[in-house]
Full PDB file with SEQRES, HELIX, SHEET, SSBOND, CRYST1, ORIGX, SCALE, CONECT and MASTER records, all heavy atoms in Angstrom:
SEQRES   1 A   45  VAL SER SER ILE SER THR LEU LEU ALA SER ASP PRO SER          
SEQRES   2 A   45  GLN LEU SER GLU ILE ASN SER VAL SER GLU THR ALA THR          
SEQRES   3 A   45  PHE GLU THR ASN LYS LEU VAL ILE VAL PRO VAL ASN CYS          
SEQRES   4 A   45  SER CYS SER GLY SER GLY                                      
HELIX    1 AA1 SER A    2  LEU A    7  1                                   6    
HELIX    2 AA2 PRO A   12  ILE A   18  1                                   7    
CRYST1    1.000    1.000    1.000  90.00  90.00  90.00 P 1           1          
ORIGX1      1.000000  0.000000  0.000000        0.00000                         
ORIGX2      0.000000  1.000000  0.000000        0.00000                         
ORIGX3      0.000000  0.000000  1.000000        0.00000                         
SCALE1      1.000000  0.000000  0.000000        0.00000                         
SCALE2      0.000000  1.000000  0.000000        0.00000                         
SCALE3      0.000000  0.000000  1.000000        0.00000                         
ATOM      1  N   VAL A   1     -26.530 -31.539 108.500  1.00  0.00           N  
ATOM      2  CA  VAL A   1     -26.401 -32.286 107.244  1.00  0.00           C  
ATOM      3  C   VAL A   1     -24.937 -32.538 106.923  1.00  0.00           C  
ATOM      4  O   VAL A   1     -24.533 -33.655 106.566  1.00  0.00           O  
ATOM      5  CB  VAL A   1     -27.081 -31.518 106.082  1.00  0.00           C  
ATOM      6  CG1 VAL A   1     -26.754 -32.184 104.736  1.00  0.00           C  
ATOM      7  CG2 VAL A   1     -28.576 -31.464 106.288  1.00  0.00           C  
ATOM      8  N   SER A   2     -24.097 -31.509 107.055  1.00  0.00           N  
ATOM      9  CA  SER A   2     -22.685 -31.650 106.691  1.00  0.00           C  
ATOM     10  C   SER A   2     -21.954 -32.612 107.619  1.00  0.00           C  
ATOM     11  O   SER A   2     -21.188 -33.464 107.160  1.00  0.00           O  
ATOM     12  CB  SER A   2     -22.000 -30.282 106.707  1.00  0.00           C  
ATOM     13  OG  SER A   2     -22.091 -29.689 107.983  1.00  0.00           O  
ATOM     14  N   SER A   3     -22.198 -32.509 108.949  1.00  0.00           N  
ATOM     15  CA  SER A   3     -21.466 -33.377 109.890  1.00  0.00           C  
ATOM     16  C   SER A   3     -21.909 -34.835 109.774  1.00  0.00           C  
ATOM     17  O   SER A   3     -21.085 -35.745 109.820  1.00  0.00           O  
ATOM     18  CB  SER A   3     -21.662 -32.882 111.326  1.00  0.00           C  
ATOM     19  OG  SER A   3     -23.028 -32.930 111.707  1.00  0.00           O  
ATOM     20  N   ILE A   4     -23.204 -35.061 109.573  1.00  0.00           N  
ATOM     21  CA  ILE A   4     -23.690 -36.445 109.453  1.00  0.00           C  
ATOM     22  C   ILE A   4     -23.217 -37.065 108.146  1.00  0.00           C  
ATOM     23  O   ILE A   4     -22.778 -38.221 108.113  1.00  0.00           O  
ATOM     24  CB  ILE A   4     -25.230 -36.490 109.546  1.00  0.00           C  
ATOM     25  CG1 ILE A   4     -25.687 -36.069 110.945  1.00  0.00           C  
ATOM     26  CG2 ILE A   4     -25.761 -37.892 109.232  1.00  0.00           C  
ATOM     27  CD1 ILE A   4     -27.185 -35.938 111.095  1.00  0.00           C  
ATOM     28  N   SER A   5     -23.276 -36.297 107.038  1.00  0.00           N  
ATOM     29  CA  SER A   5     -22.831 -36.836 105.748  1.00  0.00           C  
ATOM     30  C   SER A   5     -21.334 -37.109 105.760  1.00  0.00           C  
ATOM     31  O   SER A   5     -20.873 -38.101 105.176  1.00  0.00           O  
ATOM     32  CB  SER A   5     -23.178 -35.861 104.618  1.00  0.00           C  
ATOM     33  OG  SER A   5     -22.567 -34.607 104.825  1.00  0.00           O  
ATOM     34  N   THR A   6     -20.555 -36.268 106.442  1.00  0.00           N  
ATOM     35  CA  THR A   6     -19.114 -36.514 106.548  1.00  0.00           C  
ATOM     36  C   THR A   6     -18.838 -37.747 107.412  1.00  0.00           C  
ATOM     37  O   THR A   6     -18.019 -38.599 107.071  1.00  0.00           O  
ATOM     38  CB  THR A   6     -18.406 -35.290 107.158  1.00  0.00           C  
ATOM     39  OG1 THR A   6     -18.626 -34.150 106.322  1.00  0.00           O  
ATOM     40  CG2 THR A   6     -16.907 -35.537 107.285  1.00  0.00           C  
ATOM     41  N   LEU A   7     -19.559 -37.869 108.524  1.00  0.00           N  
ATOM     42  CA  LEU A   7     -19.361 -38.993 109.439  1.00  0.00           C  
ATOM     43  C   LEU A   7     -19.684 -40.323 108.768  1.00  0.00           C  
ATOM     44  O   LEU A   7     -18.956 -41.302 108.926  1.00  0.00           O  
ATOM     45  CB  LEU A   7     -20.242 -38.805 110.671  1.00  0.00           C  
ATOM     46  CG  LEU A   7     -20.124 -39.873 111.766  1.00  0.00           C  
ATOM     47  CD1 LEU A   7     -18.782 -39.801 112.452  1.00  0.00           C  
ATOM     48  CD2 LEU A   7     -21.243 -39.728 112.778  1.00  0.00           C  
ATOM     49  N   LEU A   8     -20.775 -40.345 107.992  1.00  0.00           N  
ATOM     50  CA  LEU A   8     -21.234 -41.597 107.389  1.00  0.00           C  
ATOM     51  C   LEU A   8     -20.871 -41.703 105.915  1.00  0.00           C  
ATOM     52  O   LEU A   8     -21.358 -42.608 105.229  1.00  0.00           O  
ATOM     53  CB  LEU A   8     -22.754 -41.726 107.550  1.00  0.00           C  
ATOM     54  CG  LEU A   8     -23.254 -41.728 108.998  1.00  0.00           C  
ATOM     55  CD1 LEU A   8     -24.761 -41.880 109.037  1.00  0.00           C  
ATOM     56  CD2 LEU A   8     -22.609 -42.840 109.801  1.00  0.00           C  
ATOM     57  N   ALA A   9     -20.001 -40.806 105.412  1.00  0.00           N  
ATOM     58  CA  ALA A   9     -19.538 -40.842 104.018  1.00  0.00           C  
ATOM     59  C   ALA A   9     -20.710 -40.863 103.042  1.00  0.00           C  
ATOM     60  O   ALA A   9     -20.714 -41.599 102.068  1.00  0.00           O  
ATOM     61  CB  ALA A   9     -18.611 -42.040 103.793  1.00  0.00           C  
ATOM     62  N   SER A  10     -21.725 -40.061 103.312  1.00  0.00           N  
ATOM     63  CA  SER A  10     -22.886 -39.967 102.435  1.00  0.00           C  
ATOM     64  C   SER A  10     -22.835 -38.658 101.660  1.00  0.00           C  
ATOM     65  O   SER A  10     -22.145 -37.712 102.046  1.00  0.00           O  
ATOM     66  CB  SER A  10     -24.175 -40.042 103.269  1.00  0.00           C  
ATOM     67  OG  SER A  10     -25.317 -39.936 102.450  1.00  0.00           O  
ATOM     68  N   ASP A  11     -23.564 -38.590 100.554  1.00  0.00           N  
ATOM     69  CA  ASP A  11     -23.621 -37.380  99.738  1.00  0.00           C  
ATOM     70  C   ASP A  11     -24.522 -36.367 100.440  1.00  0.00           C  
ATOM     71  O   ASP A  11     -25.703 -36.631 100.662  1.00  0.00           O  
ATOM     72  CB  ASP A  11     -24.174 -37.707  98.352  1.00  0.00           C  
ATOM     73  CG  ASP A  11     -24.060 -36.529  97.396  1.00  0.00           C  
ATOM     74  OD1 ASP A  11     -24.441 -35.418  97.792  1.00  0.00           O  
ATOM     75  OD2 ASP A  11     -23.609 -36.722  96.251  1.00  0.00           O  
ATOM     76  N   PRO A  12     -23.988 -35.175 100.813  1.00  0.00           N  
ATOM     77  CA  PRO A  12     -24.806 -34.209 101.560  1.00  0.00           C  
ATOM     78  C   PRO A  12     -26.032 -33.736 100.785  1.00  0.00           C  
ATOM     79  O   PRO A  12     -27.076 -33.473 101.377  1.00  0.00           O  
ATOM     80  CB  PRO A  12     -23.831 -33.054 101.839  1.00  0.00           C  
ATOM     81  CG  PRO A  12     -22.722 -33.234 100.860  1.00  0.00           C  
ATOM     82  CD  PRO A  12     -22.624 -34.697 100.601  1.00  0.00           C  
ATOM     83  N   SER A  13     -25.920 -33.642  99.446  1.00  0.00           N  
ATOM     84  CA  SER A  13     -27.068 -33.185  98.665  1.00  0.00           C  
ATOM     85  C   SER A  13     -28.190 -34.219  98.710  1.00  0.00           C  
ATOM     86  O   SER A  13     -29.372 -33.875  98.818  1.00  0.00           O  
ATOM     87  CB  SER A  13     -26.642 -32.903  97.221  1.00  0.00           C  
ATOM     88  OG  SER A  13     -26.134 -34.064  96.601  1.00  0.00           O  
ATOM     89  N   GLN A  14     -27.830 -35.515  98.622  1.00  0.00           N  
ATOM     90  CA  GLN A  14     -28.846 -36.564  98.703  1.00  0.00           C  
ATOM     91  C   GLN A  14     -29.452 -36.628 100.102  1.00  0.00           C  
ATOM     92  O   GLN A  14     -30.658 -36.821 100.264  1.00  0.00           O  
ATOM     93  CB  GLN A  14     -28.234 -37.913  98.340  1.00  0.00           C  
ATOM     94  CG  GLN A  14     -27.787 -38.037  96.893  1.00  0.00           C  
ATOM     95  CD  GLN A  14     -27.206 -39.413  96.591  1.00  0.00           C  
ATOM     96  OE1 GLN A  14     -27.238 -40.313  97.434  1.00  0.00           O  
ATOM     97  NE2 GLN A  14     -26.675 -39.587  95.396  1.00  0.00           N  
ATOM     98  N   LEU A  15     -28.604 -36.473 101.123  1.00  0.00           N  
ATOM     99  CA  LEU A  15     -29.090 -36.527 102.508  1.00  0.00           C  
ATOM    100  C   LEU A  15     -30.080 -35.399 102.780  1.00  0.00           C  
ATOM    101  O   LEU A  15     -31.123 -35.614 103.389  1.00  0.00           O  
ATOM    102  CB  LEU A  15     -27.908 -36.481 103.473  1.00  0.00           C  
ATOM    103  CG  LEU A  15     -28.217 -36.812 104.943  1.00  0.00           C  
ATOM    104  CD1 LEU A  15     -27.018 -37.479 105.594  1.00  0.00           C  
ATOM    105  CD2 LEU A  15     -28.553 -35.557 105.733  1.00  0.00           C  
ATOM    106  N   SER A  16     -29.755 -34.177 102.315  1.00  0.00           N  
ATOM    107  CA  SER A  16     -30.651 -33.052 102.552  1.00  0.00           C  
ATOM    108  C   SER A  16     -31.945 -33.204 101.772  1.00  0.00           C  
ATOM    109  O   SER A  16     -33.034 -32.884 102.262  1.00  0.00           O  
ATOM    110  CB  SER A  16     -29.950 -31.741 102.164  1.00  0.00           C  
ATOM    111  OG  SER A  16     -29.628 -31.737 100.782  1.00  0.00           O  
ATOM    112  N   GLU A  17     -31.851 -33.729 100.545  1.00  0.00           N  
ATOM    113  CA  GLU A  17     -33.052 -33.879  99.715  1.00  0.00           C  
ATOM    114  C   GLU A  17     -34.025 -34.887 100.296  1.00  0.00           C  
ATOM    115  O   GLU A  17     -35.231 -34.637 100.375  1.00  0.00           O  
ATOM    116  CB  GLU A  17     -32.641 -34.309  98.301  1.00  0.00           C  
ATOM    117  CG  GLU A  17     -33.820 -34.483  97.350  1.00  0.00           C  
ATOM    118  CD  GLU A  17     -33.391 -34.891  95.959  1.00  0.00           C  
ATOM    119  OE1 GLU A  17     -32.165 -34.992  95.714  1.00  0.00           O  
ATOM    120  OE2 GLU A  17     -34.273 -35.115  95.110  1.00  0.00           O  
ATOM    121  N   ILE A  18     -33.541 -36.045 100.738  1.00  0.00           N  
ATOM    122  CA  ILE A  18     -34.452 -37.090 101.214  1.00  0.00           C  
ATOM    123  C   ILE A  18     -35.059 -36.732 102.562  1.00  0.00           C  
ATOM    124  O   ILE A  18     -36.129 -37.219 102.920  1.00  0.00           O  
ATOM    125  CB  ILE A  18     -33.718 -38.449 101.284  1.00  0.00           C  
ATOM    126  CG1 ILE A  18     -34.729 -39.593 101.255  1.00  0.00           C  
ATOM    127  CG2 ILE A  18     -32.823 -38.554 102.525  1.00  0.00           C  
ATOM    128  CD1 ILE A  18     -34.141 -40.934 100.980  1.00  0.00           C  
ATOM    129  N   ASN A  19     -34.379 -35.837 103.343  1.00  0.00           N  
ATOM    130  CA  ASN A  19     -34.925 -35.382 104.628  1.00  0.00           C  
ATOM    131  C   ASN A  19     -35.668 -34.055 104.504  1.00  0.00           C  
ATOM    132  O   ASN A  19     -36.090 -33.484 105.511  1.00  0.00           O  
ATOM    133  CB  ASN A  19     -33.808 -35.278 105.667  1.00  0.00           C  
ATOM    134  CG  ASN A  19     -33.281 -36.646 106.079  1.00  0.00           C  
ATOM    135  OD1 ASN A  19     -33.896 -37.346 106.881  1.00  0.00           O  
ATOM    136  ND2 ASN A  19     -32.134 -37.030 105.517  1.00  0.00           N  
ATOM    137  N   SER A  20     -35.776 -33.536 103.249  1.00  0.00           N  
ATOM    138  CA  SER A  20     -36.531 -32.303 102.968  1.00  0.00           C  
ATOM    139  C   SER A  20     -36.021 -31.123 103.778  1.00  0.00           C  
ATOM    140  O   SER A  20     -36.793 -30.358 104.371  1.00  0.00           O  
ATOM    141  CB  SER A  20     -38.029 -32.530 103.236  1.00  0.00           C  
ATOM    142  OG  SER A  20     -38.537 -33.572 102.433  1.00  0.00           O  
ATOM    143  N   VAL A  21     -34.681 -30.980 103.832  1.00  0.00           N  
ATOM    144  CA  VAL A  21     -34.066 -29.832 104.500  1.00  0.00           C  
ATOM    145  C   VAL A  21     -32.974 -29.284 103.589  1.00  0.00           C  
ATOM    146  O   VAL A  21     -32.595 -29.910 102.607  1.00  0.00           O  
ATOM    147  CB  VAL A  21     -33.460 -30.219 105.874  1.00  0.00           C  
ATOM    148  CG1 VAL A  21     -34.544 -30.693 106.823  1.00  0.00           C  
ATOM    149  CG2 VAL A  21     -32.384 -31.286 105.708  1.00  0.00           C  
ATOM    150  N   SER A  22     -32.466 -28.106 103.922  1.00  0.00           N  
ATOM    151  CA  SER A  22     -31.367 -27.530 103.152  1.00  0.00           C  
ATOM    152  C   SER A  22     -30.056 -28.172 103.575  1.00  0.00           C  
ATOM    153  O   SER A  22     -29.983 -28.820 104.628  1.00  0.00           O  
ATOM    154  CB  SER A  22     -31.298 -26.022 103.374  1.00  0.00           C  
ATOM    155  OG  SER A  22     -30.906 -25.740 104.709  1.00  0.00           O  
ATOM    156  N   GLU A  23     -29.013 -27.985 102.757  1.00  0.00           N  
ATOM    157  CA  GLU A  23     -27.711 -28.588 103.065  1.00  0.00           C  
ATOM    158  C   GLU A  23     -27.028 -27.915 104.247  1.00  0.00           C  
ATOM    159  O   GLU A  23     -26.045 -28.414 104.759  1.00  0.00           O  
ATOM    160  CB  GLU A  23     -26.809 -28.542 101.835  1.00  0.00           C  
ATOM    161  CG  GLU A  23     -27.263 -29.477 100.739  1.00  0.00           C  
ATOM    162  CD  GLU A  23     -26.209 -29.674  99.671  1.00  0.00           C  
ATOM    163  OE1 GLU A  23     -25.009 -29.552  99.990  1.00  0.00           O  
ATOM    164  OE2 GLU A  23     -26.576 -29.921  98.518  1.00  0.00           O  
ATOM    165  N   THR A  24     -27.539 -26.767 104.686  1.00  0.00           N  
ATOM    166  CA  THR A  24     -26.965 -26.080 105.855  1.00  0.00           C  
ATOM    167  C   THR A  24     -27.794 -26.319 107.114  1.00  0.00           C  
ATOM    168  O   THR A  24     -27.526 -25.723 108.145  1.00  0.00           O  
ATOM    169  CB  THR A  24     -26.880 -24.571 105.576  1.00  0.00           C  
ATOM    170  OG1 THR A  24     -28.196 -24.065 105.277  1.00  0.00           O  
ATOM    171  CG2 THR A  24     -25.958 -24.298 104.383  1.00  0.00           C  
ATOM    172  N   ALA A  25     -28.798 -27.181 107.014  1.00  0.00           N  
ATOM    173  CA  ALA A  25     -29.736 -27.379 108.125  1.00  0.00           C  
ATOM    174  C   ALA A  25     -29.082 -28.116 109.292  1.00  0.00           C  
ATOM    175  O   ALA A  25     -28.132 -28.887 109.123  1.00  0.00           O  
ATOM    176  CB  ALA A  25     -30.960 -28.158 107.648  1.00  0.00           C  
ATOM    177  N   THR A  26     -29.625 -27.864 110.484  1.00  0.00           N  
ATOM    178  CA  THR A  26     -29.222 -28.563 111.711  1.00  0.00           C  
ATOM    179  C   THR A  26     -30.456 -29.253 112.285  1.00  0.00           C  
ATOM    180  O   THR A  26     -31.519 -28.643 112.399  1.00  0.00           O  
ATOM    181  CB  THR A  26     -28.645 -27.587 112.744  1.00  0.00           C  
ATOM    182  OG1 THR A  26     -27.486 -26.951 112.190  1.00  0.00           O  
ATOM    183  CG2 THR A  26     -28.250 -28.310 114.019  1.00  0.00           C  
ATOM    184  N   PHE A  27     -30.309 -30.525 112.650  1.00  0.00           N  
ATOM    185  CA  PHE A  27     -31.432 -31.292 113.180  1.00  0.00           C  
ATOM    186  C   PHE A  27     -31.506 -31.143 114.701  1.00  0.00           C  
ATOM    187  O   PHE A  27     -30.487 -30.954 115.377  1.00  0.00           O  
ATOM    188  CB  PHE A  27     -31.280 -32.783 112.840  1.00  0.00           C  
ATOM    189  CG  PHE A  27     -31.259 -33.081 111.372  1.00  0.00           C  
ATOM    190  CD1 PHE A  27     -30.053 -33.310 110.713  1.00  0.00           C  
ATOM    191  CD2 PHE A  27     -32.433 -33.117 110.639  1.00  0.00           C  
ATOM    192  CE1 PHE A  27     -30.029 -33.595 109.365  1.00  0.00           C  
ATOM    193  CE2 PHE A  27     -32.417 -33.399 109.287  1.00  0.00           C  
ATOM    194  CZ  PHE A  27     -31.224 -33.629 108.642  1.00  0.00           C  
ATOM    195  N   GLU A  28     -32.726 -31.251 115.235  1.00  0.00           N  
ATOM    196  CA  GLU A  28     -32.887 -31.253 116.679  1.00  0.00           C  
ATOM    197  C   GLU A  28     -32.305 -32.549 117.243  1.00  0.00           C  
ATOM    198  O   GLU A  28     -32.194 -33.559 116.548  1.00  0.00           O  
ATOM    199  CB  GLU A  28     -34.365 -31.139 117.042  1.00  0.00           C  
ATOM    200  CG  GLU A  28     -35.227 -32.269 116.500  1.00  0.00           C  
ATOM    201  CD  GLU A  28     -36.702 -32.033 116.718  1.00  0.00           C  
ATOM    202  OE1 GLU A  28     -37.201 -30.978 116.291  1.00  0.00           O  
ATOM    203  OE2 GLU A  28     -37.335 -32.923 117.298  1.00  0.00           O  
ATOM    204  N   THR A  29     -31.910 -32.502 118.509  1.00  0.00           N  
ATOM    205  CA  THR A  29     -31.286 -33.666 119.136  1.00  0.00           C  
ATOM    206  C   THR A  29     -32.226 -34.863 119.126  1.00  0.00           C  
ATOM    207  O   THR A  29     -33.423 -34.731 119.373  1.00  0.00           O  
ATOM    208  CB  THR A  29     -30.884 -33.329 120.576  1.00  0.00           C  
ATOM    209  OG1 THR A  29     -29.954 -32.243 120.556  1.00  0.00           O  
ATOM    210  CG2 THR A  29     -30.224 -34.522 121.258  1.00  0.00           C  
ATOM    211  N   ASN A  30     -31.658 -36.031 118.830  1.00  0.00           N  
ATOM    212  CA  ASN A  30     -32.379 -37.307 118.774  1.00  0.00           C  
ATOM    213  C   ASN A  30     -33.386 -37.360 117.625  1.00  0.00           C  
ATOM    214  O   ASN A  30     -34.278 -38.198 117.621  1.00  0.00           O  
ATOM    215  CB  ASN A  30     -33.095 -37.608 120.098  1.00  0.00           C  
ATOM    216  CG  ASN A  30     -33.260 -39.108 120.312  1.00  0.00           C  
ATOM    217  OD1 ASN A  30     -32.381 -39.882 119.974  1.00  0.00           O  
ATOM    218  ND2 ASN A  30     -34.383 -39.508 120.870  1.00  0.00           N  
ATOM    219  N   LYS A  31     -33.220 -36.508 116.623  1.00  0.00           N  
ATOM    220  CA  LYS A  31     -34.078 -36.531 115.441  1.00  0.00           C  
ATOM    221  C   LYS A  31     -33.689 -37.713 114.560  1.00  0.00           C  
ATOM    222  O   LYS A  31     -32.514 -37.980 114.329  1.00  0.00           O  
ATOM    223  CB  LYS A  31     -33.914 -35.226 114.657  1.00  0.00           C  
ATOM    224  CG  LYS A  31     -34.493 -35.233 113.252  1.00  0.00           C  
ATOM    225  CD  LYS A  31     -36.012 -35.282 113.253  1.00  0.00           C  
ATOM    226  CE  LYS A  31     -36.558 -35.186 111.831  1.00  0.00           C  
ATOM    227  NZ  LYS A  31     -38.009 -35.358 111.777  1.00  0.00           N  
ATOM    228  N   LEU A  32     -34.683 -38.467 114.079  1.00  0.00           N  
ATOM    229  CA  LEU A  32     -34.431 -39.601 113.186  1.00  0.00           C  
ATOM    230  C   LEU A  32     -34.101 -39.065 111.798  1.00  0.00           C  
ATOM    231  O   LEU A  32     -34.916 -38.380 111.179  1.00  0.00           O  
ATOM    232  CB  LEU A  32     -35.645 -40.524 113.129  1.00  0.00           C  
ATOM    233  CG  LEU A  32     -35.447 -41.850 112.385  1.00  0.00           C  
ATOM    234  CD1 LEU A  32     -34.472 -42.734 113.148  1.00  0.00           C  
ATOM    235  CD2 LEU A  32     -36.773 -42.570 112.192  1.00  0.00           C  
ATOM    236  N   VAL A  33     -32.895 -39.365 111.312  1.00  0.00           N  
ATOM    237  CA  VAL A  33     -32.426 -38.865 110.014  1.00  0.00           C  
ATOM    238  C   VAL A  33     -32.221 -40.054 109.078  1.00  0.00           C  
ATOM    239  O   VAL A  33     -31.643 -41.079 109.470  1.00  0.00           O  
ATOM    240  CB  VAL A  33     -31.092 -38.097 110.170  1.00  0.00           C  
ATOM    241  CG1 VAL A  33     -30.608 -37.580 108.821  1.00  0.00           C  
ATOM    242  CG2 VAL A  33     -31.271 -36.947 111.153  1.00  0.00           C  
ATOM    243  N   ILE A  34     -32.703 -39.938 107.844  1.00  0.00           N  
ATOM    244  CA  ILE A  34     -32.492 -40.975 106.835  1.00  0.00           C  
ATOM    245  C   ILE A  34     -31.195 -40.666 106.099  1.00  0.00           C  
ATOM    246  O   ILE A  34     -30.983 -39.548 105.636  1.00  0.00           O  
ATOM    247  CB  ILE A  34     -33.668 -41.032 105.842  1.00  0.00           C  
ATOM    248  CG1 ILE A  34     -34.951 -41.413 106.582  1.00  0.00           C  
ATOM    249  CG2 ILE A  34     -33.389 -42.034 104.729  1.00  0.00           C  
ATOM    250  CD1 ILE A  34     -36.192 -41.342 105.728  1.00  0.00           C  
ATOM    251  N   VAL A  35     -30.312 -41.668 105.991  1.00  0.00           N  
ATOM    252  CA  VAL A  35     -28.998 -41.475 105.367  1.00  0.00           C  
ATOM    253  C   VAL A  35     -28.883 -42.401 104.157  1.00  0.00           C  
ATOM    254  O   VAL A  35     -28.849 -43.627 104.308  1.00  0.00           O  
ATOM    255  CB  VAL A  35     -27.857 -41.791 106.358  1.00  0.00           C  
ATOM    256  CG1 VAL A  35     -26.504 -41.519 105.702  1.00  0.00           C  
ATOM    257  CG2 VAL A  35     -28.011 -40.960 107.628  1.00  0.00           C  
ATOM    258  N   PRO A  36     -28.854 -41.845 102.928  1.00  0.00           N  
ATOM    259  CA  PRO A  36     -28.672 -42.692 101.735  1.00  0.00           C  
ATOM    260  C   PRO A  36     -27.215 -43.110 101.578  1.00  0.00           C  
ATOM    261  O   PRO A  36     -26.306 -42.297 101.746  1.00  0.00           O  
ATOM    262  CB  PRO A  36     -29.107 -41.780 100.576  1.00  0.00           C  
ATOM    263  CG  PRO A  36     -28.914 -40.403 101.088  1.00  0.00           C  
ATOM    264  CD  PRO A  36     -29.064 -40.438 102.571  1.00  0.00           C  
ATOM    265  N   VAL A  37     -26.969 -44.391 101.293  1.00  0.00           N  
ATOM    266  CA  VAL A  37     -25.616 -44.909 101.102  1.00  0.00           C  
ATOM    267  C   VAL A  37     -25.607 -45.842  99.903  1.00  0.00           C  
ATOM    268  O   VAL A  37     -26.647 -46.345  99.477  1.00  0.00           O  
ATOM    269  CB  VAL A  37     -25.086 -45.662 102.345  1.00  0.00           C  
ATOM    270  CG1 VAL A  37     -24.957 -44.748 103.534  1.00  0.00           C  
ATOM    271  CG2 VAL A  37     -25.986 -46.843 102.675  1.00  0.00           C  
ATOM    272  N   ASN A  38     -24.421 -46.079  99.378  1.00  0.00           N  
ATOM    273  CA  ASN A  38     -24.247 -47.033  98.283  1.00  0.00           C  
ATOM    274  C   ASN A  38     -23.662 -48.311  98.868  1.00  0.00           C  
ATOM    275  O   ASN A  38     -22.523 -48.354  99.271  1.00  0.00           O  
ATOM    276  CB  ASN A  38     -23.318 -46.455  97.210  1.00  0.00           C  
ATOM    277  CG  ASN A  38     -23.101 -47.431  96.075  1.00  0.00           C  
ATOM    278  OD1 ASN A  38     -23.949 -48.269  95.809  1.00  0.00           O  
ATOM    279  ND2 ASN A  38     -21.961 -47.337  95.421  1.00  0.00           N  
ATOM    280  N   CYS A  39     -24.482 -49.374  98.948  1.00  0.00           N  
ATOM    281  CA  CYS A  39     -24.073 -50.638  99.551  1.00  0.00           C  
ATOM    282  C   CYS A  39     -23.414 -51.526  98.500  1.00  0.00           C  
ATOM    283  O   CYS A  39     -23.932 -51.651  97.390  1.00  0.00           O  
ATOM    284  CB  CYS A  39     -25.302 -51.340 100.116  1.00  0.00           C  
ATOM    285  SG  CYS A  39     -25.128 -51.732 101.854  1.00  0.00           S  
ATOM    286  N   SER A  40     -22.297 -52.167  98.827  1.00  0.00           N  
ATOM    287  CA  SER A  40     -21.698 -53.134  97.898  1.00  0.00           C  
ATOM    288  C   SER A  40     -20.870 -54.137  98.669  1.00  0.00           C  
ATOM    289  O   SER A  40     -20.496 -53.907  99.811  1.00  0.00           O  
ATOM    290  CB  SER A  40     -20.833 -52.416  96.858  1.00  0.00           C  
ATOM    291  OG  SER A  40     -19.793 -51.721  97.480  1.00  0.00           O  
ATOM    292  N   CYS A  41     -20.581 -55.275  98.011  1.00  0.00           N  
ATOM    293  CA  CYS A  41     -19.902 -56.375  98.685  1.00  0.00           C  
ATOM    294  C   CYS A  41     -18.500 -55.976  99.106  1.00  0.00           C  
ATOM    295  O   CYS A  41     -17.820 -55.236  98.406  1.00  0.00           O  
ATOM    296  CB  CYS A  41     -19.832 -57.603  97.768  1.00  0.00           C  
ATOM    297  SG  CYS A  41     -21.433 -58.409  97.537  1.00  0.00           S  
ATOM    298  N   SER A  42     -18.041 -56.511 100.216  1.00  0.00           N  
ATOM    299  CA  SER A  42     -16.703 -56.227 100.718  1.00  0.00           C  
ATOM    300  C   SER A  42     -15.675 -57.014  99.931  1.00  0.00           C  
ATOM    301  O   SER A  42     -15.994 -57.833  99.075  1.00  0.00           O  
ATOM    302  CB  SER A  42     -16.620 -56.592 102.199  1.00  0.00           C  
ATOM    303  OG  SER A  42     -16.706 -57.993 102.326  1.00  0.00           O  
ATOM    304  N   GLY A  43     -14.409 -56.756 100.264  1.00  0.00           N  
ATOM    305  CA  GLY A  43     -13.334 -57.453  99.569  1.00  0.00           C  
ATOM    306  C   GLY A  43     -13.389 -58.954  99.744  1.00  0.00           C  
ATOM    307  O   GLY A  43     -13.000 -59.698  98.870  1.00  0.00           O  
ATOM    308  N   SER A  44     -13.882 -59.445 100.867  1.00  0.00           N  
ATOM    309  CA  SER A  44     -13.935 -60.887 101.079  1.00  0.00           C  
ATOM    310  C   SER A  44     -15.105 -61.531 100.371  1.00  0.00           C  
ATOM    311  O   SER A  44     -15.151 -62.731 100.194  1.00  0.00           O  
ATOM    312  CB  SER A  44     -14.038 -61.192 102.575  1.00  0.00           C  
ATOM    313  OG  SER A  44     -15.262 -60.701 103.069  1.00  0.00           O  
ATOM    314  N   GLY A  45     -16.067 -60.733  99.962  1.00  0.00           N  
ATOM    315  CA  GLY A  45     -17.207 -61.252  99.234  1.00  0.00           C  
ATOM    316  C   GLY A  45     -18.316 -61.772 100.119  1.00  0.00           C  
ATOM    317  O   GLY A  45     -19.443 -61.896  99.684  1.00  0.00           O  
TER     318      GLY A  45                                                      
MASTER        0    0    0    2    0    0    0    6  317    1    0    4          
END                                                                             
């Protein structure tokens, strides 16, 4: 949870909650993980 949230700049608490795991959890290799992000327009629009 911590390495994926750091890599993708996501909130670790939200990431752990939506995947129903603890914030210290480790996923098995090639496990599909849902990553919540805040999408917004870029500087160019």
